[in-house]
Amino acid sequence: MMRWILLIGVLGLLELSGFELSADWGKSRPVFQASVDEVDGHKYASFREPVVVRTKSGRIVVGVQAGNRYSWPERSGQDLVVRFSDDEGESWSDLIVAAEAGEFSCQCHGLVYDEEINRLFFLYTTYNWDYRAVGKGRGSKYTAPIYEEMAKSGKPFVTSYRVFSDDEGTSWSKPEDITKMVGRQAHFGASEGRQLTMGKHKGRLLLAGSRMDLNERGEITAKHVGVWRSDDHGQRWNLGKIPVPEEVNTPRNVSSEARVTELPDGTLLYNDRTRKTERQLSWSENGGESWGELVKGIELKASQCNGSLITLRDGKGVLTETVIFSIPSPGGRSDGYVYVSKDGGKTWPIVKNVVKGSFAYSALIQLDGGRVGLFFEEDHYRTISLIELEVEKLLDE
């Protein structure tokens, strides 16, 4: 009886907050499946943190972290792999390894596409130790001995790399060490980047992320959040920092996982994860040169998880004021919701429950004027699935 009372109470709160609780959004279909997909006979055990871009040919490219070992630490030996589709997600290529580091782990990745030179970039960080060494523990309590030994030997905790593809994801370059450029502990947002399409900074590449300061035990002592930008087709990257209110400016309260999107007047909107049940937002009016202080997105009730953010285009491909954001429900990593703003992220009056059940990290892309594709983690990170959402239905109030 108590369980039913609690459930009724939760449902009531969701209804009062504007959450839509029932709708038929169609069936999702798997794009990555653990223990099914393989490369050269090797089957991966988990797929994490999808990011998605579209190339000028119309190809959709999805990148994920592919784990070699399931159960924590599932990230040991983690590769970056991609799949692409040339028919709007109806069929997909074989798995393609974009980057790997043996028993070390590729993480903190960002995927960005430069349409002007038809080049895809993956920026990522390799953690220079084998996660299996910490057993099944997680966090600094378990990793401290490893970091201390590395500090004594002078070995870097992490190394940042860049790889690129000039054939829309079919093949990838050898990794290039970019640590001196981006700093000793860079993060690339677990995000897909954007290329600006208007204004004096047209062509600029943007990728949400951060730079972190670590002590000798590998503990984060400061986190500088912001948006990486490049004005030379991805050769050099600089972090444009976002001011954080003093009361929340701690390494735990601010996140490296975020998305950024372009609005029709050239303004940029940034949306990042927090340790609470709301998001944090910032805007830039000069192409990411500077940003306003982070503010709470109090309407965006969400689980502690990364989410995705895109600005919709109309049937002619022109940017609109409508922004959509995907995230798990406030109750945990399940039940995927899409928030809709019709004023460039200032207010979010529409909330749709588009996936019921398992739902964690996600990535949005507009398929055409009437459909949006939503990639999401499910089945406890064993599967990345795709569901198509009708734009008209999302916007219906």
Protein backbone atom coordinates (compact mmCIF):
# COMPACT_ATOMS: atom_id res chain seq x y z
CA MET A 1 0.00 0.00 0.00
CA MET A 2 2.80 2.44 0.90
CA ARG A 3 4.45 1.86 -2.51
CA TRP A 4 1.23 2.74 -4.31
CA ILE A 5 0.82 5.89 -2.24
CA LEU A 6 4.37 6.96 -3.09
CA LEU A 7 3.86 6.20 -6.79
CA ILE A 8 0.62 8.18 -6.92
CA GLY A 9 2.41 11.07 -5.21
CA VAL A 10 5.27 11.06 -7.71
CA LEU A 11 2.87 10.91 -10.66
CA GLY A 12 0.94 13.79 -9.22
CA LEU A 13 4.06 15.91 -8.91
CA LEU A 14 5.02 15.16 -12.51
CA GLU A 15 1.55 16.11 -13.75
CA LEU A 16 1.62 19.36 -11.81
CA SER A 17 5.04 20.22 -13.22
CA GLY A 18 3.80 19.84 -16.80
CA PHE A 19 5.27 16.42 -17.58
CA GLU A 20 3.38 14.42 -20.19
CA LEU A 21 2.99 10.90 -18.82
CA SER A 22 1.53 8.92 -21.69
CA ALA A 23 2.02 9.02 -25.43
CA ASP A 24 2.82 6.64 -28.24
CA TRP A 25 6.09 7.75 -29.81
CA GLY A 26 6.72 4.56 -31.74
CA LYS A 27 9.40 1.94 -31.31
CA SER A 28 13.11 2.49 -30.92
CA ARG A 29 15.66 0.34 -32.72
CA PRO A 30 19.18 -0.59 -31.67
CA VAL A 31 22.18 1.02 -33.36
CA PHE A 32 24.93 -0.38 -31.08
CA GLN A 33 24.46 -3.66 -29.20
CA ALA A 34 26.95 -5.14 -26.74
CA SER A 35 27.92 -8.78 -27.29
CA VAL A 36 26.51 -8.52 -30.83
CA ASP A 37 28.56 -5.83 -32.58
CA GLU A 38 32.20 -6.68 -33.14
CA VAL A 39 35.40 -5.49 -34.79
CA ASP A 40 37.83 -8.11 -36.09
CA GLY A 41 36.13 -10.76 -33.98
CA HIS A 42 36.16 -8.70 -30.80
CA LYS A 43 32.77 -8.09 -29.17
CA TYR A 44 32.38 -5.06 -26.93
CA ALA A 45 30.69 -5.29 -23.56
CA SER A 46 29.20 -1.77 -23.28
CA PHE A 47 28.52 1.36 -25.31
CA ARG A 48 28.49 4.80 -23.70
CA GLU A 49 27.91 8.50 -24.32
CA PRO A 50 26.60 8.84 -27.91
CA VAL A 51 27.44 11.93 -29.97
CA VAL A 52 26.05 12.58 -33.46
CA VAL A 53 26.72 14.87 -36.44
CA ARG A 54 25.56 15.12 -40.05
CA THR A 55 27.97 15.69 -42.96
CA LYS A 56 27.25 17.75 -46.07
CA SER A 57 26.43 14.60 -48.06
CA GLY A 58 23.63 13.91 -45.56
CA ARG A 59 25.48 11.10 -43.81
CA ILE A 60 24.72 10.69 -40.10
CA VAL A 61 27.78 9.75 -38.03
CA VAL A 62 27.35 8.50 -34.45
CA GLY A 63 30.33 8.11 -32.10
CA VAL A 64 30.40 6.22 -28.80
CA GLN A 65 32.79 4.91 -26.17
CA ALA A 66 33.02 1.13 -26.58
CA GLY A 67 33.97 -0.73 -23.40
CA ASN A 68 35.88 -4.00 -23.34
CA ARG A 69 34.78 -5.04 -19.88
CA TYR A 70 31.32 -4.90 -18.39
CA SER A 71 30.81 -4.16 -14.64
CA TRP A 72 32.73 -1.36 -13.03
CA PRO A 73 35.28 -0.44 -14.10
CA GLU A 74 33.67 -0.97 -17.52
CA ARG A 75 35.88 1.72 -19.03
CA SER A 76 39.16 -0.20 -19.05
CA GLY A 77 40.46 -0.59 -22.60
CA GLN A 78 37.71 1.65 -23.91
CA ASP A 79 37.83 2.58 -27.61
CA LEU A 80 36.08 5.30 -29.61
CA VAL A 81 34.00 3.76 -32.38
CA VAL A 82 31.60 5.15 -34.98
CA ARG A 83 28.80 3.99 -37.21
CA PHE A 84 27.33 5.93 -40.11
CA SER A 85 24.07 5.88 -42.02
CA ASP A 86 23.38 7.20 -45.52
CA ASP A 87 19.63 6.59 -45.37
CA GLU A 88 18.46 8.61 -42.34
CA GLY A 89 19.15 5.83 -39.86
CA GLU A 90 17.38 2.98 -41.64
CA SER A 91 20.63 1.02 -41.98
CA TRP A 92 24.10 1.39 -40.52
CA SER A 93 27.70 0.67 -41.42
CA ASP A 94 29.86 -1.84 -39.60
CA LEU A 95 31.65 -0.61 -36.49
CA ILE A 96 34.67 1.57 -37.27
CA VAL A 97 37.36 2.19 -34.65
CA ALA A 98 38.28 5.88 -34.64
CA ALA A 99 40.74 5.71 -31.72
CA GLU A 100 42.02 3.17 -29.22
CA ALA A 101 44.69 3.03 -26.49
CA GLY A 102 45.14 -0.64 -25.57
CA GLU A 103 44.26 -1.27 -21.92
CA PHE A 104 44.13 2.47 -21.27
CA SER A 105 40.82 4.20 -21.82
CA CYS A 106 39.62 6.80 -24.34
CA GLN A 107 37.20 9.18 -22.60
CA CYS A 108 35.94 12.77 -22.38
CA HIS A 109 35.34 12.81 -26.12
CA GLY A 110 33.88 15.41 -28.43
CA LEU A 111 32.91 14.97 -32.09
CA VAL A 112 32.71 18.00 -34.37
CA TYR A 113 32.27 18.40 -38.13
CA ASP A 114 33.80 21.15 -40.28
CA GLU A 115 31.60 21.41 -43.36
CA GLU A 116 33.87 23.95 -45.02
CA ILE A 117 36.67 21.38 -45.40
CA ASN A 118 34.50 18.23 -45.04
CA ARG A 119 36.50 16.99 -42.03
CA LEU A 120 35.35 15.20 -38.88
CA PHE A 121 37.29 15.64 -35.64
CA PHE A 122 37.31 13.52 -32.51
CA LEU A 123 38.98 15.23 -29.54
CA TYR A 124 39.45 12.97 -26.54
CA THR A 125 41.51 12.21 -23.46
CA THR A 126 43.29 8.94 -22.66
CA TYR A 127 43.56 7.97 -19.00
CA ASN A 128 47.05 6.50 -18.75
CA TRP A 129 46.34 3.56 -16.48
CA ASP A 130 44.33 0.37 -16.56
CA TYR A 131 40.99 0.74 -14.83
CA ARG A 132 41.01 -2.93 -13.86
CA ALA A 133 43.72 -2.07 -11.31
CA VAL A 134 41.12 -0.48 -9.01
CA GLY A 135 38.91 -3.56 -8.89
CA LYS A 136 35.22 -2.75 -8.66
CA GLY A 137 35.63 0.48 -6.73
CA ARG A 138 34.89 3.90 -8.13
CA GLY A 139 36.18 7.35 -7.26
CA SER A 140 39.27 8.87 -5.68
CA LYS A 141 39.25 6.45 -2.73
CA TYR A 142 40.16 3.64 -5.12
CA THR A 143 42.24 5.52 -7.66
CA ALA A 144 44.41 7.50 -5.20
CA PRO A 145 47.20 4.87 -4.95
CA ILE A 146 47.49 4.72 -8.73
CA TYR A 147 47.71 8.48 -9.08
CA GLU A 148 50.26 8.75 -6.29
CA GLU A 149 52.55 6.21 -7.98
CA MET A 150 52.20 8.02 -11.31
CA ALA A 151 52.99 11.36 -9.66
CA LYS A 152 56.15 9.92 -8.10
CA SER A 153 57.34 8.62 -11.46
CA GLY A 154 56.48 11.85 -13.27
CA LYS A 155 54.09 10.13 -15.66
CA PRO A 156 51.10 12.21 -16.86
CA PHE A 157 47.73 11.11 -15.51
CA VAL A 158 46.07 11.79 -18.84
CA THR A 159 46.97 12.71 -22.42
CA SER A 160 44.70 14.55 -24.86
CA TYR A 161 44.54 13.58 -28.53
CA ARG A 162 42.95 14.54 -31.81
CA VAL A 163 42.03 12.26 -34.71
CA PHE A 164 40.25 13.27 -37.91
CA SER A 165 38.45 11.76 -40.88
CA ASP A 166 38.38 13.21 -44.40
CA ASP A 167 35.98 10.60 -45.78
CA GLU A 168 33.00 11.25 -43.48
CA GLY A 169 33.91 8.67 -40.86
CA THR A 170 34.99 5.74 -43.01
CA SER A 171 38.66 5.96 -41.95
CA TRP A 172 40.54 7.93 -39.30
CA SER A 173 43.98 9.47 -38.90
CA LYS A 174 46.60 8.43 -36.38
CA PRO A 175 46.22 10.13 -32.95
CA GLU A 176 48.00 13.48 -32.48
CA ASP A 177 48.98 14.55 -28.95
CA ILE A 178 47.41 17.98 -28.25
CA THR A 179 48.02 18.10 -24.48
CA LYS A 180 50.33 21.13 -24.63
CA MET A 181 47.62 23.01 -26.52
CA VAL A 182 44.59 22.20 -24.35
CA GLY A 183 46.20 21.69 -20.92
CA ARG A 184 47.05 18.75 -18.71
CA GLN A 185 43.45 17.71 -17.93
CA ALA A 186 41.06 18.62 -20.72
CA HIS A 187 37.48 17.40 -21.19
CA PHE A 188 35.55 17.67 -24.43
CA GLY A 189 32.04 17.60 -23.11
CA ALA A 190 30.88 14.09 -24.05
CA SER A 191 29.32 16.21 -26.77
CA GLU A 192 28.95 16.89 -30.44
CA GLY A 193 30.26 20.30 -31.45
CA ARG A 194 28.81 22.97 -33.73
CA GLN A 195 30.09 25.05 -36.64
CA LEU A 196 28.73 28.59 -36.66
CA THR A 197 26.64 29.37 -39.73
CA MET A 198 26.30 33.15 -39.53
CA GLY A 199 27.91 36.42 -38.43
CA LYS A 200 31.54 37.52 -38.27
CA HIS A 201 32.57 34.17 -36.75
CA LYS A 202 30.92 32.01 -39.40
CA GLY A 203 32.87 28.78 -39.77
CA ARG A 204 34.10 28.75 -36.16
CA LEU A 205 34.06 25.33 -34.51
CA LEU A 206 32.65 25.04 -30.98
CA LEU A 207 32.77 22.16 -28.52
CA ALA A 208 31.54 22.33 -24.91
CA GLY A 209 33.95 21.12 -22.24
CA SER A 210 36.40 22.15 -19.56
CA ARG A 211 39.93 22.16 -18.22
CA MET A 212 40.61 20.75 -14.74
CA ASP A 213 43.34 21.17 -12.14
CA LEU A 214 44.49 18.04 -10.30
CA ASN A 215 46.64 17.52 -7.22
CA GLU A 216 49.23 14.77 -6.83
CA ARG A 217 46.52 12.31 -5.79
CA GLY A 218 44.56 12.86 -8.97
CA GLU A 219 41.80 14.77 -7.17
CA ILE A 220 40.13 17.64 -9.01
CA THR A 221 40.93 20.88 -7.19
CA ALA A 222 39.36 23.27 -9.73
CA LYS A 223 37.22 22.96 -12.83
CA HIS A 224 37.15 25.64 -15.53
CA VAL A 225 34.01 25.07 -17.60
CA GLY A 226 33.36 26.62 -20.97
CA VAL A 227 33.38 26.09 -24.72
CA TRP A 228 36.39 25.11 -26.82
CA ARG A 229 36.64 27.08 -30.06
CA SER A 230 38.74 26.87 -33.20
CA ASP A 231 39.03 29.44 -36.01
CA ASP A 232 41.53 27.51 -38.14
CA HIS A 233 39.57 24.40 -39.05
CA GLY A 234 40.35 22.45 -35.92
CA GLN A 235 44.11 22.94 -35.79
CA ARG A 236 44.20 25.05 -32.62
CA TRP A 237 41.67 25.06 -29.79
CA ASN A 238 41.13 27.62 -27.02
CA LEU A 239 38.77 27.38 -24.05
CA GLY A 240 36.34 30.26 -23.61
CA LYS A 241 35.55 30.11 -19.89
CA ILE A 242 32.05 30.60 -18.53
CA PRO A 243 31.71 32.52 -15.24
CA VAL A 244 30.31 30.37 -12.44
CA PRO A 245 28.49 31.84 -9.41
CA GLU A 246 30.72 31.68 -6.35
CA GLU A 247 28.21 29.69 -4.29
CA VAL A 248 28.24 26.77 -6.75
CA ASN A 249 31.81 27.02 -8.04
CA THR A 250 33.18 23.74 -6.72
CA PRO A 251 34.57 20.84 -8.78
CA ARG A 252 31.60 18.71 -7.82
CA ASN A 253 28.86 21.25 -8.55
CA VAL A 254 30.03 22.27 -12.02
CA SER A 255 30.24 19.73 -14.80
CA SER A 256 32.39 19.13 -17.85
CA GLU A 257 29.46 17.51 -19.66
CA ALA A 258 27.48 20.01 -21.69
CA ARG A 259 26.06 20.97 -25.08
CA VAL A 260 25.99 24.23 -27.04
CA THR A 261 23.69 25.30 -29.86
CA GLU A 262 23.32 28.28 -32.23
CA LEU A 263 20.19 30.45 -32.29
CA PRO A 264 18.81 32.32 -35.33
CA ASP A 265 20.11 35.74 -34.22
CA GLY A 266 23.63 34.35 -33.77
CA THR A 267 23.34 33.98 -29.99
CA LEU A 268 24.76 30.77 -28.52
CA LEU A 269 23.07 28.74 -25.78
CA TYR A 270 25.05 26.51 -23.40
CA ASN A 271 23.40 23.84 -21.23
CA ASP A 272 25.33 21.74 -18.67
CA ARG A 273 24.83 19.01 -16.13
CA THR A 274 24.70 19.66 -12.38
CA ARG A 275 24.71 17.50 -9.25
CA LYS A 276 21.12 18.49 -8.58
CA THR A 277 17.80 18.16 -10.42
CA GLU A 278 18.13 21.23 -12.58
CA ARG A 279 20.44 22.32 -15.39
CA GLN A 280 22.69 25.37 -15.77
CA LEU A 281 22.49 27.71 -18.76
CA SER A 282 24.61 30.46 -20.28
CA TRP A 283 24.38 32.62 -23.41
CA SER A 284 27.00 34.24 -25.64
CA GLU A 285 26.29 37.10 -28.04
CA ASN A 286 29.74 37.23 -29.66
CA GLY A 287 30.29 33.76 -31.07
CA GLY A 288 31.65 32.31 -27.84
CA GLU A 289 34.29 35.00 -27.22
CA SER A 290 32.67 35.61 -23.83
CA TRP A 291 29.76 34.13 -21.89
CA GLY A 292 27.24 35.27 -19.32
CA GLU A 293 27.37 33.83 -15.84
CA LEU A 294 25.80 30.40 -15.43
CA VAL A 295 22.18 30.54 -14.29
CA LYS A 296 19.88 27.79 -13.05
CA GLY A 297 17.46 26.36 -15.58
CA ILE A 298 14.84 25.78 -12.91
CA GLU A 299 12.24 24.47 -15.38
CA LEU A 300 14.61 21.74 -16.57
CA LYS A 301 14.05 19.08 -13.95
CA ALA A 302 16.40 16.22 -14.68
CA SER A 303 18.50 13.40 -13.37
CA GLN A 304 22.23 13.88 -12.82
CA CYS A 305 23.16 12.96 -16.36
CA ASN A 306 24.36 14.42 -19.61
CA GLY A 307 21.67 15.60 -22.00
CA SER A 308 21.50 16.78 -25.61
CA LEU A 309 20.52 20.13 -27.11
CA ILE A 310 19.68 21.25 -30.66
CA THR A 311 18.00 24.19 -32.37
CA LEU A 312 15.33 23.11 -34.82
CA ARG A 313 15.35 24.23 -38.46
CA ASP A 314 12.25 24.80 -40.58
CA GLY A 315 11.42 22.96 -43.80
CA LYS A 316 13.82 25.20 -45.73
CA GLY A 317 16.70 24.53 -43.36
CA VAL A 318 16.54 27.93 -41.61
CA LEU A 319 17.22 28.11 -37.87
CA THR A 320 14.17 28.82 -35.71
CA GLU A 321 13.78 30.01 -32.11
CA THR A 322 12.76 26.49 -31.07
CA VAL A 323 15.28 24.54 -29.00
CA ILE A 324 14.80 20.98 -27.75
CA PHE A 325 16.64 19.25 -24.93
CA SER A 326 16.67 15.53 -24.03
CA ILE A 327 17.37 14.11 -20.55
CA PRO A 328 16.28 11.30 -18.19
CA SER A 329 13.52 12.00 -15.70
CA PRO A 330 14.35 13.51 -12.27
CA GLY A 331 13.86 10.08 -10.71
CA GLY A 332 17.03 8.52 -12.16
CA ARG A 333 18.41 7.22 -15.42
CA SER A 334 15.13 6.09 -16.88
CA ASP A 335 12.16 7.57 -18.76
CA GLY A 336 13.51 9.92 -21.41
CA TYR A 337 12.02 13.41 -21.64
CA VAL A 338 12.27 16.14 -24.25
CA TYR A 339 11.87 19.76 -23.17
CA VAL A 340 10.84 22.34 -25.74
CA SER A 341 11.63 26.06 -25.71
CA LYS A 342 10.16 28.39 -28.32
CA ASP A 343 12.13 31.45 -27.22
CA GLY A 344 15.76 30.37 -27.51
CA GLY A 345 15.99 28.64 -24.13
CA LYS A 346 14.53 31.39 -21.93
CA THR A 347 11.47 29.32 -21.01
CA TRP A 348 10.62 25.63 -21.42
CA PRO A 349 6.82 25.25 -21.31
CA ILE A 350 6.54 21.89 -23.10
CA VAL A 351 7.74 18.57 -21.67
CA LYS A 352 7.22 15.25 -23.42
CA ASN A 353 7.87 11.74 -22.10
CA VAL A 354 9.21 10.11 -25.28
CA VAL A 355 10.88 6.95 -23.92
CA LYS A 356 9.61 4.77 -21.10
CA GLY A 357 12.06 2.62 -19.18
CA SER A 358 15.86 2.60 -19.39
CA PHE A 359 17.29 5.92 -20.63
CA ALA A 360 20.63 7.61 -19.81
CA TYR A 361 22.98 9.71 -21.98
CA SER A 362 21.46 10.88 -25.27
CA ALA A 363 22.18 12.68 -28.55
CA LEU A 364 19.71 14.58 -30.75
CA ILE A 365 19.83 15.31 -34.46
CA GLN A 366 17.22 16.72 -36.84
CA LEU A 367 16.52 14.24 -39.63
CA ASP A 368 14.36 16.57 -41.75
CA GLY A 369 11.78 19.33 -41.29
CA GLY A 370 9.34 16.94 -39.66
CA ARG A 371 11.46 14.45 -37.72
CA VAL A 372 14.10 14.39 -35.00
CA GLY A 373 16.36 11.44 -34.22
CA LEU A 374 17.10 10.68 -30.56
CA PHE A 375 19.96 8.28 -29.73
CA PHE A 376 20.04 7.07 -26.12
CA GLU A 377 21.73 4.60 -23.78
CA GLU A 378 19.55 1.81 -22.45
CA ASP A 379 19.79 -1.69 -21.01
CA HIS A 380 22.38 -0.53 -18.46
CA TYR A 381 24.78 0.72 -21.18
CA ARG A 382 24.60 -2.42 -23.31
CA THR A 383 22.64 -0.76 -26.11
CA ILE A 384 22.48 2.58 -27.92
CA SER A 385 19.06 2.90 -29.57
CA LEU A 386 17.43 5.37 -31.97
CA ILE A 387 13.87 6.61 -31.82
CA GLU A 388 12.34 8.99 -34.36
CA LEU A 389 10.19 11.81 -32.99
CA GLU A 390 7.68 13.87 -34.95
CA VAL A 391 8.44 17.58 -34.64
CA GLU A 392 4.74 18.54 -34.84
CA LYS A 393 3.96 16.23 -31.95
CA LEU A 394 6.87 17.58 -29.87
CA LEU A 395 5.67 21.17 -30.34
CA ASP A 396 2.03 20.43 -29.58
CA GLU A 397 1.05 22.20 -26.34
